[in-house]
Amino acid sequence: FEKLVKFSRTSGVPMSRYVFNSLIVTVLTVGLS
């Protein structure tokens, strides 16, 4: 898990952004569906 976090920091987009996108998409999609 530590390697995963370190690797995500080296990428252009932080993993927190992907988490935020997934939460927004999942909540809206499930709710509307």
PDB file of all heavy atoms in Angstrom:
ATOM      1  N   PHE A   1       0.829  -1.207   0.000  1.00  0.00           N
ATOM      2  CA  PHE A   1       0.000   0.000   0.000  1.00  0.00           C
ATOM      3  C   PHE A   1       0.870   1.266   0.000  1.00  0.00           C
ATOM      4  O   PHE A   1       0.524   2.260  -0.621  1.00  0.00           O
ATOM      5  CB  PHE A   1      -0.934  -0.002   1.210  1.00  0.00           C
ATOM      6  CG  PHE A   1      -1.922  -1.134   1.204  1.00  0.00           C
ATOM      7  CD1 PHE A   1      -1.625  -2.334   1.829  1.00  0.00           C
ATOM      8  CD2 PHE A   1      -3.139  -0.997   0.561  1.00  0.00           C
ATOM      9  CE1 PHE A   1      -2.538  -3.383   1.823  1.00  0.00           C
ATOM     10  CE2 PHE A   1      -4.058  -2.037   0.551  1.00  0.00           C
ATOM     11  CZ  PHE A   1      -3.749  -3.231   1.173  1.00  0.00           C
ATOM     12  N   GLU A   2       1.996   1.211   0.716  1.00  0.00           N
ATOM     13  CA  GLU A   2       2.906   2.352   0.721  1.00  0.00           C
ATOM     14  C   GLU A   2       3.479   2.596  -0.667  1.00  0.00           C
ATOM     15  O   GLU A   2       3.604   3.741  -1.120  1.00  0.00           O
ATOM     16  CB  GLU A   2       4.030   2.106   1.727  1.00  0.00           C
ATOM     17  CG  GLU A   2       3.553   2.083   3.181  1.00  0.00           C
ATOM     18  CD  GLU A   2       4.672   1.723   4.141  1.00  0.00           C
ATOM     19  OE1 GLU A   2       5.735   1.247   3.657  1.00  0.00           O
ATOM     20  OE2 GLU A   2       4.499   1.906   5.357  1.00  0.00           O
ATOM     21  N   LYS A   3       3.842   1.518  -1.371  1.00  0.00           N
ATOM     22  CA  LYS A   3       4.349   1.657  -2.737  1.00  0.00           C
ATOM     23  C   LYS A   3       3.268   2.229  -3.660  1.00  0.00           C
ATOM     24  O   LYS A   3       3.564   3.035  -4.542  1.00  0.00           O
ATOM     25  CB  LYS A   3       4.806   0.297  -3.267  1.00  0.00           C
ATOM     26  CG  LYS A   3       6.083  -0.225  -2.637  1.00  0.00           C
ATOM     27  CD  LYS A   3       6.474  -1.556  -3.266  1.00  0.00           C
ATOM     28  CE  LYS A   3       7.775  -2.087  -2.687  1.00  0.00           C
ATOM     29  NZ  LYS A   3       8.152  -3.393  -3.278  1.00  0.00           N
ATOM     30  N   LEU A   4       2.022   1.797  -3.430  1.00  0.00           N
ATOM     31  CA  LEU A   4       0.923   2.294  -4.257  1.00  0.00           C
ATOM     32  C   LEU A   4       0.732   3.792  -4.072  1.00  0.00           C
ATOM     33  O   LEU A   4       0.553   4.535  -5.039  1.00  0.00           O
ATOM     34  CB  LEU A   4      -0.368   1.540  -3.903  1.00  0.00           C
ATOM     35  CG  LEU A   4      -1.631   1.956  -4.653  1.00  0.00           C
ATOM     36  CD1 LEU A   4      -1.474   1.728  -6.148  1.00  0.00           C
ATOM     37  CD2 LEU A   4      -2.838   1.171  -4.129  1.00  0.00           C
ATOM     38  N   VAL A   5       0.790   4.250  -2.828  1.00  0.00           N
ATOM     39  CA  VAL A   5       0.628   5.676  -2.548  1.00  0.00           C
ATOM     40  C   VAL A   5       1.793   6.472  -3.134  1.00  0.00           C
ATOM     41  O   VAL A   5       1.600   7.537  -3.743  1.00  0.00           O
ATOM     42  CB  VAL A   5       0.514   5.919  -1.028  1.00  0.00           C
ATOM     43  CG1 VAL A   5       0.506   7.405  -0.725  1.00  0.00           C
ATOM     44  CG2 VAL A   5      -0.751   5.257  -0.487  1.00  0.00           C
ATOM     45  N   LYS A   6       3.008   5.972  -2.983  1.00  0.00           N
ATOM     46  CA  LYS A   6       4.175   6.667  -3.527  1.00  0.00           C
ATOM     47  C   LYS A   6       4.115   6.731  -5.051  1.00  0.00           C
ATOM     48  O   LYS A   6       4.472   7.750  -5.655  1.00  0.00           O
ATOM     49  CB  LYS A   6       5.459   5.959  -3.077  1.00  0.00           C
ATOM     50  CG  LYS A   6       5.755   6.095  -1.591  1.00  0.00           C
ATOM     51  CD  LYS A   6       7.035   5.353  -1.212  1.00  0.00           C
ATOM     52  CE  LYS A   6       7.322   5.488   0.282  1.00  0.00           C
ATOM     53  NZ  LYS A   6       8.561   4.735   0.667  1.00  0.00           N
ATOM     54  N   PHE A   7       3.680   5.653  -5.672  1.00  0.00           N
ATOM     55  CA  PHE A   7       3.590   5.637  -7.130  1.00  0.00           C
ATOM     56  C   PHE A   7       2.551   6.640  -7.624  1.00  0.00           C
ATOM     57  O   PHE A   7       2.744   7.304  -8.636  1.00  0.00           O
ATOM     58  CB  PHE A   7       3.231   4.229  -7.612  1.00  0.00           C
ATOM     59  CG  PHE A   7       3.141   4.114  -9.118  1.00  0.00           C
ATOM     60  CD1 PHE A   7       4.281   3.916  -9.876  1.00  0.00           C
ATOM     61  CD2 PHE A   7       1.915   4.204  -9.753  1.00  0.00           C
ATOM     62  CE1 PHE A   7       4.204   3.806 -11.268  1.00  0.00           C
ATOM     63  CE2 PHE A   7       1.821   4.098 -11.138  1.00  0.00           C
ATOM     64  CZ  PHE A   7       2.975   3.908 -11.890  1.00  0.00           C
ATOM     65  N   SER A   8       1.434   6.739  -6.893  1.00  0.00           N
ATOM     66  CA  SER A   8       0.386   7.675  -7.305  1.00  0.00           C
ATOM     67  C   SER A   8       0.861   9.122  -7.218  1.00  0.00           C
ATOM     68  O   SER A   8       0.415   9.983  -7.969  1.00  0.00           O
ATOM     69  CB  SER A   8      -0.862   7.478  -6.451  1.00  0.00           C
ATOM     70  OG  SER A   8      -0.622   7.850  -5.102  1.00  0.00           O
ATOM     71  N   ARG A   9       1.785   9.396  -6.279  1.00  0.00           N
ATOM     72  CA  ARG A   9       2.295  10.762  -6.130  1.00  0.00           C
ATOM     73  C   ARG A   9       3.191  11.160  -7.299  1.00  0.00           C
ATOM     74  O   ARG A   9       3.333  12.342  -7.597  1.00  0.00           O
ATOM     75  CB  ARG A   9       3.072  10.877  -4.820  1.00  0.00           C
ATOM     76  CG  ARG A   9       2.187  10.799  -3.573  1.00  0.00           C
ATOM     77  CD  ARG A   9       3.036  10.784  -2.314  1.00  0.00           C
ATOM     78  NE  ARG A   9       2.193  10.700  -1.116  1.00  0.00           N
ATOM     79  CZ  ARG A   9       2.675  10.536   0.118  1.00  0.00           C
ATOM     80  NH1 ARG A   9       3.983  10.426   0.305  1.00  0.00           N
ATOM     81  NH2 ARG A   9       1.849  10.472   1.143  1.00  0.00           N
ATOM     82  N   THR A  10       3.798  10.167  -7.959  1.00  0.00           N
ATOM     83  CA  THR A  10       4.678  10.467  -9.074  1.00  0.00           C
ATOM     84  C   THR A  10       3.915  10.678 -10.379  1.00  0.00           C
ATOM     85  O   THR A  10       4.497  11.159 -11.351  1.00  0.00           O
ATOM     86  CB  THR A  10       5.698   9.337  -9.276  1.00  0.00           C
ATOM     87  OG1 THR A  10       5.007   8.105  -9.572  1.00  0.00           O
ATOM     88  CG2 THR A  10       6.527   9.134  -8.009  1.00  0.00           C
ATOM     89  N   SER A  11       2.646  10.296 -10.402  1.00  0.00           N
ATOM     90  CA  SER A  11       1.853  10.465 -11.612  1.00  0.00           C
ATOM     91  C   SER A  11       1.356  11.900 -11.721  1.00  0.00           C
ATOM     92  O   SER A  11       1.387  12.668 -10.756  1.00  0.00           O
ATOM     93  CB  SER A  11       0.654   9.497 -11.611  1.00  0.00           C
ATOM     94  OG  SER A  11      -0.190   9.737 -10.508  1.00  0.00           O
ATOM     95  N   GLY A  12       0.900  12.266 -12.899  1.00  0.00           N
ATOM     96  CA  GLY A  12       0.449  13.636 -13.134  1.00  0.00           C
ATOM     97  C   GLY A  12      -0.798  14.000 -12.363  1.00  0.00           C
ATOM     98  O   GLY A  12      -1.002  15.158 -12.003  1.00  0.00           O
ATOM     99  N   VAL A  13      -1.660  13.006 -12.086  1.00  0.00           N
ATOM    100  CA  VAL A  13      -2.915  13.238 -11.369  1.00  0.00           C
ATOM    101  C   VAL A  13      -2.866  12.475 -10.048  1.00  0.00           C
ATOM    102  O   VAL A  13      -2.631  11.262 -10.038  1.00  0.00           O
ATOM    103  CB  VAL A  13      -4.129  12.775 -12.200  1.00  0.00           C
ATOM    104  CG1 VAL A  13      -5.434  13.032 -11.443  1.00  0.00           C
ATOM    105  CG2 VAL A  13      -4.146  13.465 -13.549  1.00  0.00           C
ATOM    106  N   PRO A  14      -3.075  13.128  -8.925  1.00  0.00           N
ATOM    107  CA  PRO A  14      -3.047  12.420  -7.629  1.00  0.00           C
ATOM    108  C   PRO A  14      -4.200  11.442  -7.510  1.00  0.00           C
ATOM    109  O   PRO A  14      -5.264  11.633  -8.095  1.00  0.00           O
ATOM    110  CB  PRO A  14      -3.159  13.554  -6.604  1.00  0.00           C
ATOM    111  CG  PRO A  14      -3.822  14.664  -7.341  1.00  0.00           C
ATOM    112  CD  PRO A  14      -3.350  14.568  -8.763  1.00  0.00           C
ATOM    113  N   MET A  15      -3.976  10.398  -6.716  1.00  0.00           N
ATOM    114  CA  MET A  15      -5.006   9.367  -6.558  1.00  0.00           C
ATOM    115  C   MET A  15      -6.255   9.926  -5.890  1.00  0.00           C
ATOM    116  O   MET A  15      -7.359   9.431  -6.103  1.00  0.00           O
ATOM    117  CB  MET A  15      -4.456   8.189  -5.755  1.00  0.00           C
ATOM    118  CG  MET A  15      -5.376   6.973  -5.754  1.00  0.00           C
ATOM    119  SD  MET A  15      -4.591   5.470  -5.139  1.00  0.00           S
ATOM    120  CE  MET A  15      -4.214   5.935  -3.460  1.00  0.00           C
ATOM    121  N   SER A  16      -6.092  10.951  -5.067  1.00  0.00           N
ATOM    122  CA  SER A  16      -7.247  11.566  -4.404  1.00  0.00           C
ATOM    123  C   SER A  16      -8.246  12.110  -5.427  1.00  0.00           C
ATOM    124  O   SER A  16      -9.456  12.126  -5.172  1.00  0.00           O
ATOM    125  CB  SER A  16      -6.797  12.681  -3.465  1.00  0.00           C
ATOM    126  OG  SER A  16      -6.077  13.681  -4.172  1.00  0.00           O
ATOM    127  N   ARG A  17      -7.739  12.566  -6.569  1.00  0.00           N
ATOM    128  CA  ARG A  17      -8.637  13.067  -7.615  1.00  0.00           C
ATOM    129  C   ARG A  17      -9.470  11.936  -8.195  1.00  0.00           C
ATOM    130  O   ARG A  17     -10.676  12.099  -8.437  1.00  0.00           O
ATOM    131  CB  ARG A  17      -7.819  13.741  -8.721  1.00  0.00           C
ATOM    132  CG  ARG A  17      -8.657  14.234  -9.904  1.00  0.00           C
ATOM    133  CD  ARG A  17      -9.613  15.336  -9.477  1.00  0.00           C
ATOM    134  NE  ARG A  17     -10.496  15.716 -10.581  1.00  0.00           N
ATOM    135  CZ  ARG A  17     -11.365  16.708 -10.541  1.00  0.00           C
ATOM    136  NH1 ARG A  17     -11.478  17.414  -9.422  1.00  0.00           N
ATOM    137  NH2 ARG A  17     -12.123  16.992 -11.563  1.00  0.00           N
ATOM    138  N   TYR A  18      -8.856  10.788  -8.394  1.00  0.00           N
ATOM    139  CA  TYR A  18      -9.597   9.628  -8.899  1.00  0.00           C
ATOM    140  C   TYR A  18     -10.640   9.158  -7.883  1.00  0.00           C
ATOM    141  O   TYR A  18     -11.753   8.769  -8.256  1.00  0.00           O
ATOM    142  CB  TYR A  18      -8.642   8.482  -9.221  1.00  0.00           C
ATOM    143  CG  TYR A  18      -7.685   8.761 -10.357  1.00  0.00           C
ATOM    144  CD1 TYR A  18      -6.323   8.900 -10.128  1.00  0.00           C
ATOM    145  CD2 TYR A  18      -8.144   8.887 -11.667  1.00  0.00           C
ATOM    146  CE1 TYR A  18      -5.438   9.156 -11.166  1.00  0.00           C
ATOM    147  CE2 TYR A  18      -7.269   9.144 -12.714  1.00  0.00           C
ATOM    148  CZ  TYR A  18      -5.915   9.279 -12.455  1.00  0.00           C
ATOM    149  OH  TYR A  18      -5.046   9.539 -13.485  1.00  0.00           O
ATOM    150  N   VAL A  19     -10.266   9.195  -6.614  1.00  0.00           N
ATOM    151  CA  VAL A  19     -11.217   8.806  -5.563  1.00  0.00           C
ATOM    152  C   VAL A  19     -12.404   9.763  -5.557  1.00  0.00           C
ATOM    153  O   VAL A  19     -13.566   9.331  -5.462  1.00  0.00           O
ATOM    154  CB  VAL A  19     -10.514   8.794  -4.194  1.00  0.00           C
ATOM    155  CG1 VAL A  19     -11.533   8.545  -3.081  1.00  0.00           C
ATOM    156  CG2 VAL A  19      -9.434   7.737  -4.159  1.00  0.00           C
ATOM    157  N   PHE A  20     -12.128  11.050  -5.638  1.00  0.00           N
ATOM    158  CA  PHE A  20     -13.202  12.046  -5.652  1.00  0.00           C
ATOM    159  C   PHE A  20     -14.127  11.832  -6.856  1.00  0.00           C
ATOM    160  O   PHE A  20     -15.361  11.858  -6.714  1.00  0.00           O
ATOM    161  CB  PHE A  20     -12.599  13.450  -5.701  1.00  0.00           C
ATOM    162  CG  PHE A  20     -13.616  14.548  -5.837  1.00  0.00           C
ATOM    163  CD1 PHE A  20     -14.358  14.966  -4.744  1.00  0.00           C
ATOM    164  CD2 PHE A  20     -13.846  15.154  -7.071  1.00  0.00           C
ATOM    165  CE1 PHE A  20     -15.307  15.977  -4.867  1.00  0.00           C
ATOM    166  CE2 PHE A  20     -14.785  16.165  -7.209  1.00  0.00           C
ATOM    167  CZ  PHE A  20     -15.522  16.579  -6.106  1.00  0.00           C
ATOM    168  N   ASN A  21     -13.556  11.614  -8.041  1.00  0.00           N
ATOM    169  CA  ASN A  21     -14.375  11.374  -9.233  1.00  0.00           C
ATOM    170  C   ASN A  21     -15.256  10.142  -9.065  1.00  0.00           C
ATOM    171  O   ASN A  21     -16.443  10.158  -9.417  1.00  0.00           O
ATOM    172  CB  ASN A  21     -13.479  11.202 -10.464  1.00  0.00           C
ATOM    173  CG  ASN A  21     -12.776  12.477 -10.857  1.00  0.00           C
ATOM    174  OD1 ASN A  21     -13.171  13.574 -10.464  1.00  0.00           O
ATOM    175  ND2 ASN A  21     -11.710  12.350 -11.625  1.00  0.00           N
ATOM    176  N   SER A  22     -14.685   9.067  -8.527  1.00  0.00           N
ATOM    177  CA  SER A  22     -15.455   7.832  -8.356  1.00  0.00           C
ATOM    178  C   SER A  22     -16.592   8.015  -7.366  1.00  0.00           C
ATOM    179  O   SER A  22     -17.694   7.503  -7.570  1.00  0.00           O
ATOM    180  CB  SER A  22     -14.533   6.694  -7.890  1.00  0.00           C
ATOM    181  OG  SER A  22     -13.685   6.282  -8.927  1.00  0.00           O
ATOM    182  N   LEU A  23     -16.337   8.741  -6.274  1.00  0.00           N
ATOM    183  CA  LEU A  23     -17.388   8.968  -5.281  1.00  0.00           C
ATOM    184  C   LEU A  23     -18.540   9.778  -5.877  1.00  0.00           C
ATOM    185  O   LEU A  23     -19.715   9.431  -5.692  1.00  0.00           O
ATOM    186  CB  LEU A  23     -16.813   9.685  -4.061  1.00  0.00           C
ATOM    187  CG  LEU A  23     -15.840   8.878  -3.191  1.00  0.00           C
ATOM    188  CD1 LEU A  23     -15.283   9.740  -2.073  1.00  0.00           C
ATOM    189  CD2 LEU A  23     -16.527   7.643  -2.622  1.00  0.00           C
ATOM    190  N   ILE A  24     -18.207  10.853  -6.593  1.00  0.00           N
ATOM    191  CA  ILE A  24     -19.251  11.679  -7.195  1.00  0.00           C
ATOM    192  C   ILE A  24     -20.040  10.889  -8.225  1.00  0.00           C
ATOM    193  O   ILE A  24     -21.283  10.886  -8.234  1.00  0.00           O
ATOM    194  CB  ILE A  24     -18.631  12.933  -7.841  1.00  0.00           C
ATOM    195  CG1 ILE A  24     -18.015  13.835  -6.769  1.00  0.00           C
ATOM    196  CG2 ILE A  24     -19.682  13.702  -8.631  1.00  0.00           C
ATOM    197  CD1 ILE A  24     -18.992  14.393  -5.776  1.00  0.00           C
ATOM    198  N   VAL A  25     -19.329  10.181  -9.099  1.00  0.00           N
ATOM    199  CA  VAL A  25     -19.998   9.411 -10.157  1.00  0.00           C
ATOM    200  C   VAL A  25     -20.853   8.297  -9.558  1.00  0.00           C
ATOM    201  O   VAL A  25     -22.000   8.087  -9.980  1.00  0.00           O
ATOM    202  CB  VAL A  25     -18.951   8.829 -11.121  1.00  0.00           C
ATOM    203  CG1 VAL A  25     -19.589   7.805 -12.065  1.00  0.00           C
ATOM    204  CG2 VAL A  25     -18.302   9.936 -11.932  1.00  0.00           C
ATOM    205  N   THR A  26     -20.339   7.600  -8.568  1.00  0.00           N
ATOM    206  CA  THR A  26     -21.071   6.472  -7.985  1.00  0.00           C
ATOM    207  C   THR A  26     -22.329   6.948  -7.263  1.00  0.00           C
ATOM    208  O   THR A  26     -23.406   6.372  -7.435  1.00  0.00           O
ATOM    209  CB  THR A  26     -20.160   5.705  -7.007  1.00  0.00           C
ATOM    210  OG1 THR A  26     -19.004   5.244  -7.700  1.00  0.00           O
ATOM    211  CG2 THR A  26     -20.906   4.515  -6.420  1.00  0.00           C
ATOM    212  N   VAL A  27     -22.208   7.984  -6.453  1.00  0.00           N
ATOM    213  CA  VAL A  27     -23.365   8.489  -5.700  1.00  0.00           C
ATOM    214  C   VAL A  27     -24.448   8.995  -6.643  1.00  0.00           C
ATOM    215  O   VAL A  27     -25.639   8.649  -6.499  1.00  0.00           O
ATOM    216  CB  VAL A  27     -22.931   9.594  -4.727  1.00  0.00           C
ATOM    217  CG1 VAL A  27     -24.156  10.278  -4.116  1.00  0.00           C
ATOM    218  CG2 VAL A  27     -22.057   9.015  -3.616  1.00  0.00           C
ATOM    219  N   LEU A  28     -24.067   9.797  -7.625  1.00  0.00           N
ATOM    220  CA  LEU A  28     -25.058  10.348  -8.554  1.00  0.00           C
ATOM    221  C   LEU A  28     -25.687   9.256  -9.410  1.00  0.00           C
ATOM    222  O   LEU A  28     -26.906   9.238  -9.616  1.00  0.00           O
ATOM    223  CB  LEU A  28     -24.410  11.404  -9.443  1.00  0.00           C
ATOM    224  CG  LEU A  28     -24.032  12.732  -8.774  1.00  0.00           C
ATOM    225  CD1 LEU A  28     -23.344  13.658  -9.758  1.00  0.00           C
ATOM    226  CD2 LEU A  28     -25.269  13.412  -8.196  1.00  0.00           C
ATOM    227  N   THR A  29     -24.882   8.355  -9.909  1.00  0.00           N
ATOM    228  CA  THR A  29     -25.406   7.298 -10.786  1.00  0.00           C
ATOM    229  C   THR A  29     -26.335   6.361 -10.035  1.00  0.00           C
ATOM    230  O   THR A  29     -27.427   6.034 -10.514  1.00  0.00           O
ATOM    231  CB  THR A  29     -24.257   6.501 -11.418  1.00  0.00           C
ATOM    232  OG1 THR A  29     -23.365   7.388 -12.089  1.00  0.00           O
ATOM    233  CG2 THR A  29     -24.792   5.491 -12.418  1.00  0.00           C
ATOM    234  N   VAL A  30     -25.911   5.913  -8.862  1.00  0.00           N
ATOM    235  CA  VAL A  30     -26.749   5.005  -8.081  1.00  0.00           C
ATOM    236  C   VAL A  30     -28.038   5.695  -7.659  1.00  0.00           C
ATOM    237  O   VAL A  30     -29.139   5.125  -7.764  1.00  0.00           O
ATOM    238  CB  VAL A  30     -25.978   4.475  -6.855  1.00  0.00           C
ATOM    239  CG1 VAL A  30     -26.911   3.666  -5.951  1.00  0.00           C
ATOM    240  CG2 VAL A  30     -24.806   3.603  -7.296  1.00  0.00           C
ATOM    241  N   GLY A  31     -27.940   6.937  -7.194  1.00  0.00           N
ATOM    242  CA  GLY A  31     -29.129   7.670  -6.764  1.00  0.00           C
ATOM    243  C   GLY A  31     -30.117   7.902  -7.895  1.00  0.00           C
ATOM    244  O   GLY A  31     -31.316   7.630  -7.750  1.00  0.00           O
ATOM    245  N   LEU A  32     -29.638   8.390  -9.026  1.00  0.00           N
ATOM    246  CA  LEU A  32     -30.519   8.639 -10.171  1.00  0.00           C
ATOM    247  C   LEU A  32     -31.065   7.339 -10.743  1.00  0.00           C
ATOM    248  O   LEU A  32     -32.236   7.272 -11.144  1.00  0.00           O
ATOM    249  CB  LEU A  32     -29.767   9.415 -11.253  1.00  0.00           C
ATOM    250  CG  LEU A  32     -29.397  10.863 -10.910  1.00  0.00           C
ATOM    251  CD1 LEU A  32     -28.522  11.464 -11.996  1.00  0.00           C
ATOM    252  CD2 LEU A  32     -30.664  11.707 -10.727  1.00  0.00           C
ATOM    253  N   SER A  33     -30.240   6.317 -10.772  1.00  0.00           N
ATOM    254  CA  SER A  33     -30.701   5.026 -11.301  1.00  0.00           C
ATOM    255  C   SER A  33     -31.826   4.444 -10.452  1.00  0.00           C
ATOM    256  O   SER A  33     -32.835   3.969 -10.981  1.00  0.00           O
ATOM    257  CB  SER A  33     -29.528   4.042 -11.360  1.00  0.00           C
ATOM    258  OG  SER A  33     -29.953   2.783 -11.854  1.00  0.00           O
TER     259      SER A  33
END
